[in-house]
Amino acid sequence: MHPAQHSPAESLSRERELARQLQECLQQEQAELVRADVAALAQTADRKSGIVDQMNLLARSRMQAVAAAGHAATEAGMLAWLTAQDDAVRADWQALLAAAAAGKELNRTNGLLIHQHMSRNQAGLQALRGGGQPAVYGRDGQQNVRTAGRSFVAG
């Protein structure tokens, strides 16, 4: 999607729709993480990246439109532009901010779920490696297990 020069208000409504799609995608990702559905996660990650890319393009386009309207291309400029807008446009902005906050929270939760999966995988790998000790093989192909502590000779 190539954003053409639109009014910031038009960009807001399109950004809100993408934010809704992103929330939906993050909820789907969360369900897939709970099910540990790796194949579905890969597709969802691609979809999520595409939505985020579109949102970034629209945000840049919106800020360019704010600058074209005579305000700084910053958050302060956006807020200054909003003061001259009607209630519907300001409501769109508030809805976009709320959707962004909800998306951020969903993404944080998904990150925690990913961390849990990674921790379980690491624990499984550690168990396979012999309780955290690296598998070291000698020239004869036998595993040399390093032990902590003192060596002693019995005999």
N, C-alpha and C. Protein backbone atom coordinates (compact mmCIF):
# COMPACT_ATOMS: atom_id res chain seq x y z
N MET A 1 0.85 -1.17 0.00
CA MET A 1 0.00 0.00 0.00
C MET A 1 0.89 1.23 0.00
N HIS A 2 0.66 2.12 -0.91
CA HIS A 2 1.41 3.37 -0.98
C HIS A 2 0.47 4.49 -0.58
N PRO A 3 0.71 5.09 0.57
CA PRO A 3 -0.20 6.14 0.99
C PRO A 3 -0.05 7.39 0.14
N ALA A 4 -1.13 7.81 -0.43
CA ALA A 4 -1.14 9.07 -1.17
C ALA A 4 -1.33 10.19 -0.16
N GLN A 5 -1.14 11.41 -0.59
CA GLN A 5 -1.31 12.54 0.31
C GLN A 5 -2.80 12.70 0.63
N HIS A 6 -3.18 12.36 1.84
CA HIS A 6 -4.55 12.45 2.32
C HIS A 6 -4.58 13.39 3.50
N SER A 7 -5.77 13.66 3.97
CA SER A 7 -5.88 14.45 5.18
C SER A 7 -5.49 13.57 6.37
N PRO A 8 -4.97 14.16 7.42
CA PRO A 8 -4.65 13.36 8.60
C PRO A 8 -5.87 12.62 9.14
N ALA A 9 -7.05 13.21 9.00
CA ALA A 9 -8.27 12.57 9.50
C ALA A 9 -8.56 11.28 8.75
N GLU A 10 -8.35 11.28 7.44
CA GLU A 10 -8.57 10.07 6.64
C GLU A 10 -7.57 9.00 7.04
N SER A 11 -6.35 9.39 7.27
CA SER A 11 -5.32 8.46 7.70
C SER A 11 -5.69 7.83 9.04
N LEU A 12 -6.26 8.62 9.94
CA LEU A 12 -6.63 8.09 11.26
C LEU A 12 -7.63 6.95 11.14
N SER A 13 -8.64 7.12 10.31
CA SER A 13 -9.65 6.06 10.20
C SER A 13 -9.04 4.80 9.59
N ARG A 14 -8.15 4.95 8.64
CA ARG A 14 -7.48 3.79 8.06
C ARG A 14 -6.54 3.14 9.07
N GLU A 15 -5.86 3.95 9.88
CA GLU A 15 -4.97 3.41 10.92
C GLU A 15 -5.77 2.65 11.97
N ARG A 16 -6.94 3.17 12.31
CA ARG A 16 -7.80 2.49 13.28
C ARG A 16 -8.19 1.11 12.77
N GLU A 17 -8.53 1.01 11.50
CA GLU A 17 -8.91 -0.28 10.91
C GLU A 17 -7.73 -1.24 10.95
N LEU A 18 -6.55 -0.77 10.64
CA LEU A 18 -5.37 -1.63 10.71
C LEU A 18 -5.06 -2.03 12.16
N ALA A 19 -5.27 -1.11 13.09
CA ALA A 19 -5.04 -1.43 14.51
C ALA A 19 -6.01 -2.53 14.95
N ARG A 20 -7.24 -2.47 14.46
CA ARG A 20 -8.22 -3.52 14.77
C ARG A 20 -7.73 -4.85 14.21
N GLN A 21 -7.25 -4.84 12.96
CA GLN A 21 -6.73 -6.06 12.34
C GLN A 21 -5.52 -6.59 13.10
N LEU A 22 -4.68 -5.69 13.59
CA LEU A 22 -3.50 -6.11 14.35
C LEU A 22 -3.91 -6.76 15.66
N GLN A 23 -4.89 -6.17 16.35
CA GLN A 23 -5.38 -6.78 17.59
C GLN A 23 -5.91 -8.19 17.33
N GLU A 24 -6.67 -8.34 16.26
CA GLU A 24 -7.20 -9.64 15.87
C GLU A 24 -6.06 -10.62 15.61
N CYS A 25 -5.05 -10.16 14.92
CA CYS A 25 -3.89 -10.99 14.60
C CYS A 25 -3.14 -11.39 15.87
N LEU A 26 -2.97 -10.45 16.79
CA LEU A 26 -2.28 -10.75 18.05
C LEU A 26 -3.08 -11.74 18.91
N GLN A 27 -4.40 -11.63 18.88
CA GLN A 27 -5.24 -12.59 19.60
C GLN A 27 -5.11 -13.98 18.99
N GLN A 28 -5.06 -14.04 17.66
CA GLN A 28 -4.87 -15.31 16.97
C GLN A 28 -3.49 -15.89 17.33
N GLU A 29 -2.48 -15.03 17.34
CA GLU A 29 -1.14 -15.46 17.70
C GLU A 29 -1.12 -16.03 19.12
N GLN A 30 -1.83 -15.38 20.02
CA GLN A 30 -1.88 -15.84 21.40
C GLN A 30 -2.49 -17.23 21.49
N ALA A 31 -3.59 -17.45 20.76
CA ALA A 31 -4.22 -18.77 20.75
C ALA A 31 -3.26 -19.82 20.19
N GLU A 32 -2.53 -19.46 19.15
CA GLU A 32 -1.57 -20.39 18.54
C GLU A 32 -0.41 -20.67 19.49
N LEU A 33 0.00 -19.68 20.24
CA LEU A 33 1.07 -19.90 21.24
C LEU A 33 0.59 -20.84 22.34
N VAL A 34 -0.62 -20.68 22.77
CA VAL A 34 -1.17 -21.55 23.81
C VAL A 34 -1.24 -22.99 23.29
N ARG A 35 -1.63 -23.16 22.01
CA ARG A 35 -1.71 -24.49 21.41
C ARG A 35 -0.35 -25.00 20.95
N ALA A 36 0.66 -24.14 20.96
CA ALA A 36 2.00 -24.46 20.44
C ALA A 36 1.92 -24.90 18.98
N ASP A 37 1.13 -24.19 18.20
CA ASP A 37 0.94 -24.48 16.78
C ASP A 37 1.97 -23.69 15.97
N VAL A 38 3.15 -24.28 15.81
CA VAL A 38 4.29 -23.60 15.19
C VAL A 38 4.02 -23.25 13.73
N ALA A 39 3.38 -24.13 12.99
CA ALA A 39 3.12 -23.87 11.58
C ALA A 39 2.20 -22.66 11.42
N ALA A 40 1.15 -22.59 12.23
CA ALA A 40 0.23 -21.46 12.15
C ALA A 40 0.91 -20.17 12.61
N LEU A 41 1.80 -20.27 13.59
CA LEU A 41 2.51 -19.09 14.10
C LEU A 41 3.33 -18.41 13.01
N ALA A 42 3.93 -19.20 12.15
CA ALA A 42 4.75 -18.62 11.08
C ALA A 42 3.89 -17.78 10.13
N GLN A 43 2.72 -18.29 9.80
CA GLN A 43 1.82 -17.54 8.92
C GLN A 43 1.31 -16.28 9.61
N THR A 44 0.97 -16.40 10.88
CA THR A 44 0.47 -15.26 11.63
C THR A 44 1.54 -14.19 11.78
N ALA A 45 2.79 -14.61 11.97
CA ALA A 45 3.89 -13.65 12.08
C ALA A 45 4.05 -12.86 10.79
N ASP A 46 3.91 -13.53 9.65
CA ASP A 46 3.99 -12.83 8.36
C ASP A 46 2.86 -11.82 8.22
N ARG A 47 1.66 -12.23 8.59
CA ARG A 47 0.49 -11.34 8.51
C ARG A 47 0.69 -10.13 9.43
N LYS A 48 1.16 -10.40 10.64
CA LYS A 48 1.39 -9.33 11.62
C LYS A 48 2.42 -8.33 11.10
N SER A 49 3.49 -8.82 10.52
CA SER A 49 4.52 -7.93 9.97
C SER A 49 3.97 -7.05 8.87
N GLY A 50 3.14 -7.63 8.01
CA GLY A 50 2.52 -6.86 6.94
C GLY A 50 1.63 -5.74 7.46
N ILE A 51 0.85 -6.05 8.48
CA ILE A 51 -0.04 -5.04 9.07
C ILE A 51 0.78 -3.92 9.71
N VAL A 52 1.81 -4.29 10.44
CA VAL A 52 2.66 -3.29 11.10
C VAL A 52 3.34 -2.40 10.05
N ASP A 53 3.80 -2.99 8.97
CA ASP A 53 4.42 -2.20 7.89
C ASP A 53 3.42 -1.19 7.33
N GLN A 54 2.18 -1.63 7.09
CA GLN A 54 1.16 -0.72 6.58
C GLN A 54 0.86 0.40 7.58
N MET A 55 0.80 0.04 8.86
CA MET A 55 0.54 1.05 9.88
C MET A 55 1.65 2.09 9.93
N ASN A 56 2.89 1.63 9.80
CA ASN A 56 4.02 2.56 9.81
C ASN A 56 3.96 3.51 8.62
N LEU A 57 3.61 2.98 7.45
CA LEU A 57 3.48 3.84 6.27
C LEU A 57 2.39 4.89 6.48
N LEU A 58 1.26 4.46 7.01
CA LEU A 58 0.16 5.40 7.24
C LEU A 58 0.53 6.45 8.29
N ALA A 59 1.23 6.04 9.32
CA ALA A 59 1.63 7.00 10.36
C ALA A 59 2.57 8.05 9.77
N ARG A 60 3.51 7.61 8.94
CA ARG A 60 4.41 8.58 8.29
C ARG A 60 3.63 9.51 7.37
N SER A 61 2.70 8.93 6.63
CA SER A 61 1.86 9.74 5.74
C SER A 61 1.03 10.74 6.54
N ARG A 62 0.49 10.30 7.67
CA ARG A 62 -0.30 11.19 8.52
C ARG A 62 0.55 12.35 9.03
N MET A 63 1.77 12.05 9.44
CA MET A 63 2.63 13.10 9.96
C MET A 63 3.04 14.07 8.85
N GLN A 64 3.21 13.57 7.64
CA GLN A 64 3.50 14.45 6.51
C GLN A 64 2.30 15.35 6.22
N ALA A 65 1.10 14.80 6.35
CA ALA A 65 -0.11 15.59 6.13
C ALA A 65 -0.28 16.64 7.23
N VAL A 66 0.10 16.29 8.46
CA VAL A 66 0.06 17.26 9.57
C VAL A 66 1.04 18.40 9.27
N ALA A 67 2.22 18.04 8.79
CA ALA A 67 3.21 19.07 8.43
C ALA A 67 2.71 19.93 7.28
N ALA A 68 2.05 19.31 6.30
CA ALA A 68 1.51 20.06 5.17
C ALA A 68 0.40 21.01 5.63
N ALA A 69 -0.24 20.68 6.74
CA ALA A 69 -1.30 21.53 7.29
C ALA A 69 -0.72 22.65 8.16
N GLY A 70 0.61 22.73 8.23
CA GLY A 70 1.25 23.83 8.93
C GLY A 70 1.68 23.54 10.35
N HIS A 71 1.71 22.29 10.73
CA HIS A 71 2.14 21.92 12.09
C HIS A 71 3.43 21.11 12.02
N ALA A 72 4.11 21.01 13.13
CA ALA A 72 5.33 20.20 13.17
C ALA A 72 4.96 18.73 12.98
N ALA A 73 5.84 17.99 12.33
CA ALA A 73 5.62 16.56 12.11
C ALA A 73 6.06 15.78 13.34
N THR A 74 5.44 16.11 14.47
CA THR A 74 5.74 15.49 15.76
C THR A 74 4.42 15.20 16.46
N GLU A 75 4.52 14.55 17.60
CA GLU A 75 3.32 14.30 18.40
C GLU A 75 2.68 15.62 18.83
N ALA A 76 3.50 16.59 19.19
CA ALA A 76 2.98 17.91 19.58
C ALA A 76 2.25 18.56 18.40
N GLY A 77 2.79 18.42 17.21
CA GLY A 77 2.14 18.95 16.01
C GLY A 77 0.82 18.26 15.75
N MET A 78 0.78 16.95 15.98
CA MET A 78 -0.46 16.20 15.81
C MET A 78 -1.51 16.70 16.80
N LEU A 79 -1.10 16.91 18.04
CA LEU A 79 -2.04 17.39 19.06
C LEU A 79 -2.52 18.80 18.74
N ALA A 80 -1.63 19.63 18.21
CA ALA A 80 -2.03 20.98 17.81
C ALA A 80 -3.04 20.91 16.66
N TRP A 81 -2.78 20.03 15.70
CA TRP A 81 -3.71 19.88 14.58
C TRP A 81 -5.07 19.41 15.09
N LEU A 82 -5.08 18.50 16.05
CA LEU A 82 -6.32 17.94 16.58
C LEU A 82 -7.21 19.00 17.25
N THR A 83 -6.59 20.03 17.84
CA THR A 83 -7.40 21.05 18.53
C THR A 83 -8.34 21.77 17.58
N ALA A 84 -7.98 21.81 16.30
CA ALA A 84 -8.83 22.49 15.33
C ALA A 84 -9.83 21.54 14.66
N GLN A 85 -9.85 20.28 15.08
CA GLN A 85 -10.72 19.28 14.44
C GLN A 85 -12.00 19.08 15.23
N ASP A 86 -12.97 18.44 14.57
CA ASP A 86 -14.24 18.18 15.24
C ASP A 86 -14.13 16.98 16.19
N ASP A 87 -15.20 16.76 16.94
CA ASP A 87 -15.20 15.70 17.95
C ASP A 87 -14.99 14.32 17.35
N ALA A 88 -15.50 14.08 16.16
CA ALA A 88 -15.36 12.77 15.53
C ALA A 88 -13.89 12.45 15.24
N VAL A 89 -13.15 13.43 14.76
CA VAL A 89 -11.73 13.22 14.47
C VAL A 89 -10.96 12.99 15.77
N ARG A 90 -11.26 13.78 16.78
CA ARG A 90 -10.59 13.59 18.08
C ARG A 90 -10.95 12.22 18.67
N ALA A 91 -12.17 11.78 18.47
CA ALA A 91 -12.57 10.45 18.94
C ALA A 91 -11.81 9.36 18.18
N ASP A 92 -11.59 9.56 16.88
CA ASP A 92 -10.79 8.61 16.10
C ASP A 92 -9.37 8.52 16.67
N TRP A 93 -8.80 9.66 17.00
CA TRP A 93 -7.45 9.69 17.56
C TRP A 93 -7.41 8.93 18.90
N GLN A 94 -8.38 9.19 19.76
CA GLN A 94 -8.43 8.51 21.06
C GLN A 94 -8.63 7.00 20.86
N ALA A 95 -9.46 6.63 19.90
CA ALA A 95 -9.67 5.21 19.62
C ALA A 95 -8.40 4.56 19.10
N LEU A 96 -7.65 5.28 18.28
CA LEU A 96 -6.38 4.76 17.78
C LEU A 96 -5.39 4.58 18.93
N LEU A 97 -5.32 5.56 19.82
CA LEU A 97 -4.42 5.43 20.98
C LEU A 97 -4.82 4.25 21.86
N ALA A 98 -6.13 4.05 22.07
CA ALA A 98 -6.61 2.94 22.88
C ALA A 98 -6.28 1.60 22.20
N ALA A 99 -6.46 1.54 20.89
CA ALA A 99 -6.14 0.31 20.16
C ALA A 99 -4.64 0.02 20.23
N ALA A 100 -3.83 1.06 20.16
CA ALA A 100 -2.38 0.87 20.26
C ALA A 100 -2.00 0.34 21.64
N ALA A 101 -2.62 0.86 22.68
CA ALA A 101 -2.34 0.40 24.05
C ALA A 101 -2.77 -1.07 24.21
N ALA A 102 -3.94 -1.41 23.68
CA ALA A 102 -4.42 -2.79 23.77
C ALA A 102 -3.49 -3.72 22.99
N GLY A 103 -3.06 -3.29 21.81
CA GLY A 103 -2.13 -4.09 21.01
C GLY A 103 -0.80 -4.29 21.72
N LYS A 104 -0.33 -3.24 22.37
CA LYS A 104 0.93 -3.33 23.12
C LYS A 104 0.81 -4.36 24.24
N GLU A 105 -0.32 -4.38 24.93
CA GLU A 105 -0.53 -5.34 26.02
C GLU A 105 -0.62 -6.77 25.47
N LEU A 106 -1.34 -6.95 24.37
CA LEU A 106 -1.40 -8.28 23.76
C LEU A 106 -0.02 -8.75 23.34
N ASN A 107 0.75 -7.85 22.76
CA ASN A 107 2.11 -8.19 22.32
C ASN A 107 2.99 -8.55 23.52
N ARG A 108 2.83 -7.83 24.62
CA ARG A 108 3.59 -8.13 25.84
C ARG A 108 3.25 -9.53 26.35
N THR A 109 1.95 -9.85 26.39
CA THR A 109 1.51 -11.16 26.85
C THR A 109 2.05 -12.25 25.93
N ASN A 110 2.00 -12.02 24.62
CA ASN A 110 2.52 -13.00 23.68
C ASN A 110 4.02 -13.20 23.87
N GLY A 111 4.73 -12.13 24.19
CA GLY A 111 6.16 -12.24 24.47
C GLY A 111 6.42 -13.12 25.68
N LEU A 112 5.57 -13.00 26.71
CA LEU A 112 5.71 -13.86 27.89
C LEU A 112 5.47 -15.32 27.53
N LEU A 113 4.47 -15.57 26.70
CA LEU A 113 4.19 -16.95 26.27
C LEU A 113 5.36 -17.51 25.47
N ILE A 114 5.94 -16.69 24.61
CA ILE A 114 7.10 -17.13 23.83
C ILE A 114 8.26 -17.45 24.77
N HIS A 115 8.46 -16.60 25.77
CA HIS A 115 9.54 -16.83 26.74
C HIS A 115 9.32 -18.16 27.47
N GLN A 116 8.07 -18.46 27.83
CA GLN A 116 7.79 -19.73 28.51
C GLN A 116 8.15 -20.91 27.61
N HIS A 117 7.78 -20.83 26.33
CA HIS A 117 8.11 -21.91 25.40
C HIS A 117 9.63 -22.06 25.28
N MET A 118 10.33 -20.95 25.19
CA MET A 118 11.79 -21.01 25.06
C MET A 118 12.42 -21.61 26.31
N SER A 119 11.90 -21.25 27.48
CA SER A 119 12.44 -21.80 28.73
C SER A 119 12.23 -23.31 28.80
N ARG A 120 11.04 -23.77 28.41
CA ARG A 120 10.78 -25.22 28.39
C ARG A 120 11.70 -25.93 27.40
N ASN A 121 11.89 -25.32 26.23
CA ASN A 121 12.79 -25.92 25.24
C ASN A 121 14.22 -25.99 25.76
N GLN A 122 14.66 -24.92 26.40
CA GLN A 122 16.02 -24.91 26.96
C GLN A 122 16.17 -25.97 28.04
N ALA A 123 15.15 -26.12 28.88
CA ALA A 123 15.21 -27.13 29.94
C ALA A 123 15.26 -28.53 29.33
N GLY A 124 14.48 -28.76 28.27
CA GLY A 124 14.51 -30.04 27.59
C GLY A 124 15.86 -30.34 26.97
N LEU A 125 16.43 -29.33 26.33
CA LEU A 125 17.76 -29.50 25.74
C LEU A 125 18.81 -29.77 26.81
N GLN A 126 18.68 -29.08 27.92
CA GLN A 126 19.63 -29.27 29.01
C GLN A 126 19.53 -30.69 29.56
N ALA A 127 18.31 -31.21 29.67
CA ALA A 127 18.14 -32.58 30.15
C ALA A 127 18.74 -33.57 29.16
N LEU A 128 18.55 -33.32 27.87
CA LEU A 128 19.12 -34.21 26.85
C LEU A 128 20.64 -34.18 26.86
N ARG A 129 21.20 -33.06 27.25
CA ARG A 129 22.66 -32.92 27.28
C ARG A 129 23.26 -33.46 28.56
N GLY A 130 22.46 -33.98 29.44
CA GLY A 130 23.00 -34.58 30.66
C GLY A 130 22.99 -33.62 31.82
N GLY A 131 21.90 -32.94 32.00
CA GLY A 131 21.79 -32.08 33.17
C GLY A 131 22.61 -30.82 33.11
N GLY A 132 22.86 -30.35 31.93
CA GLY A 132 23.55 -29.07 31.81
C GLY A 132 25.03 -29.20 31.54
N GLN A 133 25.57 -30.41 31.61
CA GLN A 133 26.98 -30.57 31.31
C GLN A 133 27.14 -30.80 29.82
N PRO A 134 28.05 -30.10 29.19
CA PRO A 134 28.21 -30.27 27.75
C PRO A 134 28.70 -31.67 27.42
N ALA A 135 28.21 -32.22 26.33
CA ALA A 135 28.66 -33.52 25.87
C ALA A 135 29.99 -33.33 25.14
N VAL A 136 31.02 -33.94 25.69
CA VAL A 136 32.35 -33.85 25.10
C VAL A 136 32.78 -35.27 24.75
N TYR A 137 33.17 -35.45 23.51
CA TYR A 137 33.57 -36.78 23.05
C TYR A 137 35.07 -36.81 22.81
N GLY A 138 35.68 -37.89 23.25
CA GLY A 138 37.11 -38.08 23.06
C GLY A 138 37.41 -38.68 21.70
N ARG A 139 38.70 -38.94 21.45
CA ARG A 139 39.13 -39.51 20.18
C ARG A 139 38.54 -40.89 19.94
N ASP A 140 38.25 -41.60 21.04
CA ASP A 140 37.70 -42.94 20.90
C ASP A 140 36.18 -42.93 20.67
N GLY A 141 35.57 -41.73 20.61
CA GLY A 141 34.14 -41.63 20.35
C GLY A 141 33.29 -41.75 21.59
N GLN A 142 33.94 -41.96 22.72
CA GLN A 142 33.19 -42.08 23.98
C GLN A 142 33.02 -40.70 24.60
N GLN A 143 31.90 -40.56 25.26
CA GLN A 143 31.62 -39.27 25.90
C GLN A 143 32.44 -39.16 27.17
N ASN A 144 33.13 -38.03 27.29
CA ASN A 144 33.87 -37.72 28.50
C ASN A 144 32.98 -36.83 29.35
N VAL A 145 32.62 -37.31 30.52
CA VAL A 145 31.77 -36.52 31.40
C VAL A 145 32.66 -35.86 32.43
N ARG A 146 32.55 -34.55 32.51
CA ARG A 146 33.32 -33.80 33.49
C ARG A 146 32.52 -33.76 34.77
N THR A 147 33.16 -34.05 35.85
CA THR A 147 32.48 -33.97 37.14
C THR A 147 33.14 -32.92 37.99
N ALA A 148 32.35 -32.32 38.82
CA ALA A 148 32.89 -31.32 39.74
C ALA A 148 33.36 -32.03 40.98
N GLY A 149 34.32 -31.49 41.63
CA GLY A 149 34.79 -32.09 42.88
C GLY A 149 36.15 -32.73 42.72
N ARG A 150 36.51 -33.49 43.73
CA ARG A 150 37.83 -34.10 43.75
C ARG A 150 37.83 -35.48 43.11
N SER A 151 38.95 -35.81 42.56
CA SER A 151 39.14 -37.16 42.01
C SER A 151 39.81 -37.99 43.07
N PHE A 152 39.53 -39.25 43.09
CA PHE A 152 40.25 -40.11 44.01
C PHE A 152 40.46 -41.46 43.34
N VAL A 153 41.46 -42.12 43.82
CA VAL A 153 41.78 -43.44 43.28
C VAL A 153 41.46 -44.44 44.35
N ALA A 154 40.67 -45.41 44.00
CA ALA A 154 40.35 -46.48 44.95
C ALA A 154 41.14 -47.70 44.57
N GLY A 155 41.57 -48.39 45.55
CA GLY A 155 42.19 -49.59 45.11
C GLY A 155 43.15 -50.21 45.90
